[in-house]
């Protein structure tokens, strides 16, 4: 994950937008065939994700753009979160290659959904795009998921950051180890952005 030299306005806008996100529900049902039979599950797709988040993002001057690129012979999905101030955060996600165009399309849709959910701080869940590729062919691995209550803890950190670096450090230190571990391993960009915001308090 990379970002512009300053992201304080972007982080503030994202925090406010997240408070206004709609419900990201599971309005669809998928049926998956396997060697042990078939099963069904409910999921929220890419359209559901954007329906729940786009109004709040627009209200706070934020927009998400995503596009595939070829880098060193491999396809990657670029996800860009842009604020009206010009501040931005950008990430790349490797795309698995499939022989069938349908499978490639499913992999791309899955990646778009997962990456958008990640940058917005919404816990990603399995959907039919990940299961749509042919059985036995490569597909993107599901990244580790945060423990229950993680996003609420993140909001607490954001509130602590309003008190400066020391307040943020204390809030982080006095929290669950599983939250801290996930934050430093899989949510680094947001944590660095929050530290930068805290450092500006009283500066």
Foldseek 3Di string as FASTA:
>chain_A
DDKDPACLLVLVLLLQQLVQFADLDFPDKDWFQDPVGIDIDTHGFQVSRCVRRVVSQVVSQKDKDWDWDADPNFIWIKIWIAGPVGIIDIDIGTFDDDDDPVLSVLQVRLVVRCVVCLVSVHWDDDDCSQRVHDPPGDHDDDDDTADPPLSVLVSVLLVQLLVAQVSSVVSLVPDDPSSNVCCVPPVPVSVVNSNVNRHPRVD
